[in-house]
Amino acid sequence: MRHFLPRQSFQAIFDSFAEVGLDRERISDHFYSQKGVLTEYWGVMASINSIMSLWEHAQQLSKTPHLFVRAGLAVPFGSFGLVDHLVFTADTVEDGLLQLQKYIPLVSSTTRLEYAEVEDDIEVRIYNRPYFPLHDHVDRWLLGMFIKRAREMLGEDFEFPMVFLRPLQKRDPTLDDIVGTPVLPHPMYTGVRLSKEAWQSPAPNTDPALHLSLQKAAEEMMFQRFSSAPIAYAVWNVMSGVFDSELSVGQAVSDRLGIPLRTLQRRLRKEKLSLKELVESYRKQEALHLLGQRLFSISEVAAKLGYHEHSSFTRSFKRWMGVSPRSWLRELAKHAGFGGGGEHPRK
């Protein structure tokens, strides 16, 4: 499966590697020399293996511990263009982060943000779906980048009530020193907690008129990008709203994209994919995500994913994970105490 990387995000990765002392040109030459790497107007298309090799090549060129967290911490403000400015010109930190949640497809085709109220804090959860092993590297980079942006908004001395890193196996004092706060492993997601006071505080560059014009530009850019990006990317981003339709999943996706079903299937074949494969991948990733939140029953998750019978969902889950949903949840429960659960303040 080929993957789509928005142009600005791709440049931000290269820029961050250069900021921590790596040879940008050498890394860039290595990546673009690979077979099947295509430069599009909105970004780059490449196989998962090609993108993975980019991160691994950077790691080979540096002996620095926690390279990708350091690189994320080095991403300059403005690297993400109008998305950076949308966040910083909102009325409050909350409003800015809700804008980021909405427009994050302009930054990453796989990353999603969720905000949950946990105890007296707001937990910012970063997910990458569909998940690939390269996201073990990307999560580290995203954590560093998010911490940098949060401190630019809230002050360099801002203390996070809690910080999580999904790929982390155990606490590492070196990583704690780099980030400036303890970093805990988490079985489900990467993220941070913000106090409610921080969540509701004013954004640093509040400008209502500029913010409104940036929103309009972001809406237009979302439309243009979806019309020219790989069709698999567009399908994935509309999938969440198709399972409650009375139409078939394929027809519902077709209607939401405004593309005839046969044309959609033909374009997917050109990308060496099928609608069935994308639906299966989405359902698997979303099932793990929804069950992991522990906010919904197994039957509710099955219904959200378009399964009319509980038994059909259980069979699919066993095919994906090798165990039943109940068994998987029991295993997950062993990791209790990581801040799961909670109510979503706004989505």
Protein backbone atom coordinates (compact mmCIF):
# COMPACT_ATOMS: atom_id res chain seq x y z
CA MET A 1 0.00 0.00 0.00
CA ARG A 2 1.30 3.42 -0.92
CA HIS A 3 1.11 6.17 1.64
CA PHE A 4 0.52 9.91 1.20
CA LEU A 5 2.57 12.52 3.06
CA PRO A 6 1.48 16.18 2.81
CA ARG A 7 4.27 18.35 1.44
CA GLN A 8 4.61 20.63 4.49
CA SER A 9 4.81 17.72 6.91
CA PHE A 10 7.43 16.01 4.79
CA GLN A 11 9.53 19.16 4.75
CA ALA A 12 9.05 19.54 8.52
CA ILE A 13 10.52 16.06 9.05
CA PHE A 14 13.59 16.90 6.95
CA ASP A 15 13.93 20.31 8.65
CA SER A 16 13.76 18.72 12.11
CA PHE A 17 16.47 16.20 11.22
CA ALA A 18 18.67 19.08 10.05
CA GLU A 19 17.96 20.96 13.30
CA VAL A 20 19.45 18.08 15.32
CA GLY A 21 22.58 17.94 13.19
CA LEU A 22 21.80 15.37 10.49
CA ASP A 23 22.73 15.90 6.85
CA ARG A 24 19.41 16.85 5.28
CA GLU A 25 20.65 16.44 1.72
CA ARG A 26 22.02 12.97 2.40
CA ILE A 27 18.74 11.79 3.95
CA SER A 28 16.71 13.38 1.16
CA ASP A 29 18.86 11.80 -1.60
CA HIS A 30 18.55 8.39 0.05
CA PHE A 31 14.77 8.63 0.22
CA TYR A 32 14.09 9.96 -3.28
CA SER A 33 16.47 7.43 -4.86
CA GLN A 34 14.11 4.61 -3.90
CA LYS A 35 11.86 3.00 -6.48
CA GLY A 36 8.23 4.08 -6.43
CA VAL A 37 8.67 7.39 -4.57
CA LEU A 38 6.50 9.90 -6.42
CA THR A 39 6.29 13.66 -5.91
CA GLU A 40 2.73 14.98 -6.24
CA TYR A 41 1.47 18.57 -6.12
CA TRP A 42 0.19 18.20 -2.54
CA GLY A 43 2.93 15.93 -1.25
CA VAL A 44 4.75 12.65 -1.70
CA MET A 45 3.48 9.15 -2.39
CA ALA A 46 5.63 6.22 -1.35
CA SER A 47 5.36 2.69 -0.02
CA ILE A 48 5.34 2.10 3.71
CA ASN A 49 8.73 0.38 3.36
CA SER A 50 10.19 3.43 1.61
CA ILE A 51 8.99 5.76 4.34
CA MET A 52 10.22 3.38 7.04
CA SER A 53 13.66 3.42 5.41
CA LEU A 54 13.71 7.23 5.70
CA TRP A 55 13.39 7.04 9.50
CA GLU A 56 15.77 4.09 9.79
CA HIS A 57 18.38 5.84 7.64
CA ALA A 58 18.18 8.91 9.89
CA GLN A 59 18.62 6.66 12.93
CA GLN A 60 21.71 5.04 11.37
CA LEU A 61 23.29 8.44 10.76
CA SER A 62 22.96 9.45 14.42
CA LYS A 63 24.03 7.79 17.65
CA THR A 64 21.98 10.27 19.66
CA PRO A 65 19.54 8.59 22.07
CA HIS A 66 15.86 9.30 21.43
CA LEU A 67 16.68 11.00 18.13
CA PHE A 68 13.08 11.29 16.95
CA VAL A 69 11.82 12.91 20.16
CA ARG A 70 14.68 15.41 19.91
CA ALA A 71 13.83 16.07 16.26
CA GLY A 72 10.16 16.66 17.15
CA LEU A 73 11.21 19.13 19.82
CA ALA A 74 13.22 20.98 17.16
CA VAL A 75 10.39 21.52 14.61
CA PRO A 76 10.28 25.32 14.07
CA PHE A 77 6.99 27.20 14.44
CA GLY A 78 5.39 27.76 11.03
CA SER A 79 6.56 24.44 9.61
CA PHE A 80 2.90 23.45 9.23
CA GLY A 81 1.88 26.71 7.62
CA LEU A 82 -1.67 27.88 8.22
CA VAL A 83 -2.38 25.00 10.65
CA ASP A 84 0.23 26.38 13.07
CA HIS A 85 -1.25 29.87 12.75
CA LEU A 86 -4.85 28.61 13.11
CA VAL A 87 -3.99 27.12 16.49
CA PHE A 88 -2.15 30.18 17.77
CA THR A 89 -4.71 32.80 16.63
CA ALA A 90 -7.73 31.10 18.25
CA ASP A 91 -9.44 32.59 21.32
CA THR A 92 -8.21 29.91 23.73
CA VAL A 93 -5.90 26.92 23.86
CA GLU A 94 -9.02 24.74 23.75
CA ASP A 95 -10.33 26.42 20.60
CA GLY A 96 -6.91 26.18 18.97
CA LEU A 97 -6.54 22.49 19.70
CA LEU A 98 -10.06 21.81 18.43
CA GLN A 99 -9.01 23.50 15.19
CA LEU A 100 -5.95 21.26 15.08
CA GLN A 101 -8.19 18.23 15.59
CA LYS A 102 -10.36 19.26 12.64
CA TYR A 103 -7.62 20.18 10.21
CA ILE A 104 -4.95 17.65 11.11
CA PRO A 105 -5.50 15.83 7.76
CA LEU A 106 -3.64 18.80 6.25
CA VAL A 107 -0.65 17.76 8.40
CA SER A 108 -0.92 13.96 8.43
CA SER A 109 -3.14 11.51 6.58
CA THR A 110 -3.06 8.95 9.43
CA THR A 111 -2.86 10.99 12.64
CA ARG A 112 -5.96 11.67 14.72
CA LEU A 113 -6.37 13.66 17.96
CA GLU A 114 -8.90 13.05 20.71
CA TYR A 115 -9.46 15.03 23.89
CA ALA A 116 -10.83 13.37 27.02
CA GLU A 117 -11.62 14.67 30.47
CA VAL A 118 -9.68 12.55 32.97
CA GLU A 119 -9.81 13.38 36.68
CA ASP A 120 -9.13 17.15 36.79
CA ASP A 121 -7.21 17.30 33.51
CA ILE A 122 -7.78 17.22 29.76
CA GLU A 123 -5.94 14.35 28.11
CA VAL A 124 -4.70 14.89 24.55
CA ARG A 125 -4.48 11.51 22.79
CA ILE A 126 -2.53 11.02 19.58
CA TYR A 127 -3.41 8.02 17.41
CA ASN A 128 -2.11 6.86 14.05
CA ARG A 129 -4.62 4.80 12.08
CA PRO A 130 -4.10 2.65 10.15
CA TYR A 131 -1.15 1.66 12.35
CA PHE A 132 2.12 0.59 10.75
CA PRO A 133 5.43 -0.22 12.52
CA LEU A 134 6.89 3.06 11.23
CA HIS A 135 4.47 4.83 13.62
CA ASP A 136 6.67 3.69 16.50
CA HIS A 137 9.12 6.29 15.15
CA VAL A 138 6.46 8.81 14.13
CA ASP A 139 4.83 8.75 17.60
CA ARG A 140 8.13 9.79 19.16
CA TRP A 141 8.48 12.66 16.70
CA LEU A 142 4.87 13.76 17.21
CA LEU A 143 5.25 13.73 21.00
CA GLY A 144 8.30 15.99 20.80
CA MET A 145 6.57 18.29 18.33
CA PHE A 146 3.38 18.53 20.42
CA ILE A 147 5.32 19.29 23.61
CA LYS A 148 7.23 22.04 21.80
CA ARG A 149 4.01 23.61 20.47
CA ALA A 150 2.29 23.36 23.88
CA ARG A 151 5.18 25.15 25.58
CA GLU A 152 5.17 27.82 22.87
CA MET A 153 1.51 28.39 23.74
CA LEU A 154 1.67 28.01 27.51
CA GLY A 155 5.22 29.10 28.36
CA GLU A 156 8.56 27.31 28.41
CA ASP A 157 8.18 26.54 32.12
CA PHE A 158 4.78 24.86 31.68
CA GLU A 159 4.61 21.53 33.53
CA PHE A 160 2.52 18.71 32.09
CA PRO A 161 0.53 16.72 34.68
CA MET A 162 1.38 13.58 32.67
CA VAL A 163 3.07 12.55 29.40
CA PHE A 164 2.61 9.18 27.62
CA LEU A 165 4.51 7.46 24.82
CA ARG A 166 2.94 4.36 23.26
CA PRO A 167 6.14 2.75 21.84
CA LEU A 168 7.98 3.21 25.15
CA GLN A 169 8.53 -0.08 26.98
CA LYS A 170 9.71 1.33 30.31
CA ARG A 171 10.67 4.63 31.92
CA ASP A 172 13.97 6.08 30.72
CA PRO A 173 15.64 8.88 32.76
CA THR A 174 17.47 10.08 29.63
CA LEU A 175 14.14 10.62 27.84
CA ASP A 176 12.71 12.35 30.92
CA ASP A 177 15.64 14.79 30.86
CA ILE A 178 15.22 15.49 27.13
CA VAL A 179 11.50 16.22 27.45
CA GLY A 180 11.81 17.94 30.81
CA THR A 181 9.13 15.83 32.48
CA PRO A 182 8.56 12.13 33.28
CA VAL A 183 7.41 10.12 30.24
CA LEU A 184 5.31 7.02 30.93
CA PRO A 185 4.69 4.03 28.66
CA HIS A 186 1.08 3.54 27.54
CA PRO A 187 -0.44 0.48 25.82
CA MET A 188 -2.86 2.38 23.57
CA TYR A 189 -1.76 5.89 22.65
CA THR A 190 0.78 8.70 22.85
CA GLY A 191 -0.26 11.96 24.48
CA VAL A 192 -0.14 14.51 27.27
CA ARG A 193 -2.40 15.89 29.95
CA LEU A 194 -3.15 19.58 30.35
CA SER A 195 -4.72 21.14 33.41
CA LYS A 196 -8.18 22.61 32.84
CA GLU A 197 -6.69 26.01 33.62
CA ALA A 198 -4.17 25.59 30.79
CA TRP A 199 -6.87 24.18 28.47
CA GLN A 200 -9.02 27.28 28.98
CA SER A 201 -6.22 29.85 28.89
CA PRO A 202 -5.98 32.43 26.06
CA ALA A 203 -4.07 31.48 22.92
CA PRO A 204 -0.83 33.47 22.53
CA ASN A 205 -1.69 35.37 19.33
CA THR A 206 -5.49 35.72 19.44
CA ASP A 207 -6.72 37.49 16.32
CA PRO A 208 -10.40 36.84 15.42
CA ALA A 209 -10.27 38.37 11.92
CA LEU A 210 -7.09 36.57 10.91
CA HIS A 211 -8.35 33.35 12.47
CA LEU A 212 -11.55 33.46 10.41
CA SER A 213 -9.65 34.01 7.16
CA LEU A 214 -7.30 31.13 8.02
CA GLN A 215 -10.30 28.87 8.64
CA LYS A 216 -11.70 29.67 5.21
CA ALA A 217 -8.31 28.94 3.64
CA ALA A 218 -8.07 25.64 5.51
CA GLU A 219 -11.54 24.57 4.33
CA GLU A 220 -10.58 25.32 0.74
CA MET A 221 -7.29 23.49 1.09
CA MET A 222 -9.03 20.44 2.57
CA PHE A 223 -11.37 20.33 -0.44
CA GLN A 224 -8.56 20.73 -2.96
CA ARG A 225 -6.33 18.17 -1.29
CA PHE A 226 -9.05 15.54 -1.06
CA SER A 227 -9.77 15.93 -4.77
CA SER A 228 -6.14 15.39 -5.79
CA ALA A 229 -4.70 13.10 -3.08
CA PRO A 230 -4.62 9.30 -3.46
CA ILE A 231 -8.18 7.98 -3.42
CA ALA A 232 -7.35 5.53 -0.59
CA TYR A 233 -6.55 8.55 1.60
CA ALA A 234 -9.91 10.14 0.82
CA VAL A 235 -11.80 6.86 1.42
CA TRP A 236 -10.16 6.39 4.81
CA ASN A 237 -11.12 9.89 5.92
CA VAL A 238 -14.83 9.47 5.15
CA MET A 239 -15.13 5.94 6.52
CA SER A 240 -16.28 6.97 9.99
CA GLY A 241 -19.67 8.16 8.73
CA VAL A 242 -20.65 5.30 6.43
CA PHE A 243 -21.59 2.46 8.77
CA ASP A 244 -24.83 3.99 10.02
CA SER A 245 -26.14 4.45 6.47
CA GLU A 246 -28.93 2.32 5.02
CA LEU A 247 -26.82 2.03 1.87
CA SER A 248 -24.07 -0.53 1.39
CA VAL A 249 -20.68 0.60 2.67
CA GLY A 250 -19.38 0.93 -0.89
CA GLN A 251 -22.31 3.06 -2.03
CA ALA A 252 -22.14 5.19 1.12
CA VAL A 253 -18.44 5.89 0.51
CA SER A 254 -19.16 6.62 -3.15
CA ASP A 255 -21.92 9.09 -2.24
CA ARG A 256 -19.82 10.90 0.38
CA LEU A 257 -16.94 11.34 -2.06
CA GLY A 258 -19.22 12.21 -4.99
CA ILE A 259 -17.53 9.55 -7.15
CA PRO A 260 -19.46 6.77 -8.96
CA LEU A 261 -18.84 3.42 -7.28
CA ARG A 262 -17.32 1.81 -10.39
CA THR A 263 -14.97 4.77 -10.84
CA LEU A 264 -14.00 4.54 -7.16
CA GLN A 265 -13.24 0.83 -7.47
CA ARG A 266 -11.22 1.40 -10.65
CA ARG A 267 -9.14 4.16 -9.04
CA LEU A 268 -8.46 1.95 -6.01
CA ARG A 269 -7.28 -0.87 -8.27
CA LYS A 270 -4.74 1.53 -9.79
CA GLU A 271 -3.44 2.03 -6.23
CA LYS A 272 -3.33 -1.77 -5.82
CA LEU A 273 -6.11 -1.71 -3.22
CA SER A 274 -9.75 -2.67 -2.93
CA LEU A 275 -12.61 -1.13 -1.00
CA LYS A 276 -13.00 -4.42 0.89
CA GLU A 277 -9.38 -4.22 2.09
CA LEU A 278 -9.79 -0.63 3.26
CA VAL A 279 -13.05 -1.39 5.10
CA GLU A 280 -11.45 -4.41 6.80
CA SER A 281 -8.38 -2.39 7.83
CA TYR A 282 -10.52 0.49 9.11
CA ARG A 283 -12.80 -1.79 11.12
CA LYS A 284 -9.83 -3.51 12.75
CA GLN A 285 -8.09 -0.27 13.72
CA GLU A 286 -11.30 1.34 14.91
CA ALA A 287 -12.38 -1.74 16.91
CA LEU A 288 -9.10 -1.72 18.84
CA HIS A 289 -9.40 2.03 19.35
CA LEU A 290 -13.02 2.01 20.57
CA LEU A 291 -12.62 -1.03 22.81
CA GLY A 292 -9.41 0.42 24.21
CA GLN A 293 -11.25 3.56 25.32
CA ARG A 294 -13.47 1.36 27.55
CA LEU A 295 -16.35 3.75 26.94
CA PHE A 296 -18.47 1.37 24.85
CA SER A 297 -19.68 -2.20 25.22
CA ILE A 298 -18.61 -4.84 22.70
CA SER A 299 -22.13 -4.76 21.20
CA GLU A 300 -21.98 -0.97 20.85
CA VAL A 301 -18.61 -1.16 19.10
CA ALA A 302 -19.94 -3.84 16.76
CA ALA A 303 -22.91 -1.62 15.88
CA LYS A 304 -20.71 1.46 15.32
CA LEU A 305 -18.70 -0.56 12.78
CA GLY A 306 -21.74 -1.73 10.86
CA TYR A 307 -22.03 -5.28 12.21
CA HIS A 308 -25.67 -6.28 12.55
CA GLU A 309 -24.84 -9.32 14.69
CA HIS A 310 -22.53 -9.53 17.70
CA SER A 311 -21.30 -12.95 16.52
CA SER A 312 -20.15 -11.54 13.15
CA PHE A 313 -18.04 -8.93 14.93
CA THR A 314 -16.56 -11.56 17.26
CA ARG A 315 -15.55 -13.73 14.28
CA SER A 316 -13.89 -10.76 12.59
CA PHE A 317 -12.07 -9.78 15.78
CA LYS A 318 -10.74 -13.33 16.26
CA ARG A 319 -9.47 -13.25 12.69
CA TRP A 320 -7.64 -9.97 13.35
CA MET A 321 -6.27 -10.61 16.83
CA GLY A 322 -6.45 -14.36 17.39
CA VAL A 323 -8.64 -13.93 20.49
CA SER A 324 -12.18 -12.81 21.27
CA PRO A 325 -12.94 -9.17 22.16
CA ARG A 326 -13.54 -10.17 25.80
CA SER A 327 -10.18 -11.93 26.04
CA TRP A 328 -8.42 -8.95 24.46
CA LEU A 329 -10.10 -6.58 26.94
CA ARG A 330 -9.06 -8.76 29.87
CA GLU A 331 -5.45 -8.55 28.67
CA LEU A 332 -5.76 -4.79 28.26
CA ALA A 333 -7.14 -4.49 31.79
CA LYS A 334 -3.77 -5.69 33.11
CA HIS A 335 -2.43 -2.32 32.00
CA ALA A 336 -5.03 -0.40 34.02
CA GLY A 337 -3.93 2.84 35.65
CA PHE A 338 -2.63 4.57 32.53
CA GLY A 339 -5.41 7.15 32.46
CA GLY A 340 -7.81 5.33 30.13
CA GLY A 341 -11.47 6.13 30.11
CA GLY A 342 -12.86 9.54 30.87
CA GLU A 343 -15.45 11.64 29.15
CA HIS A 344 -14.79 13.62 26.00
CA PRO A 345 -15.35 17.33 26.71
CA ARG A 346 -15.81 18.13 23.01
CA LYS A 347 -15.02 16.34 19.75
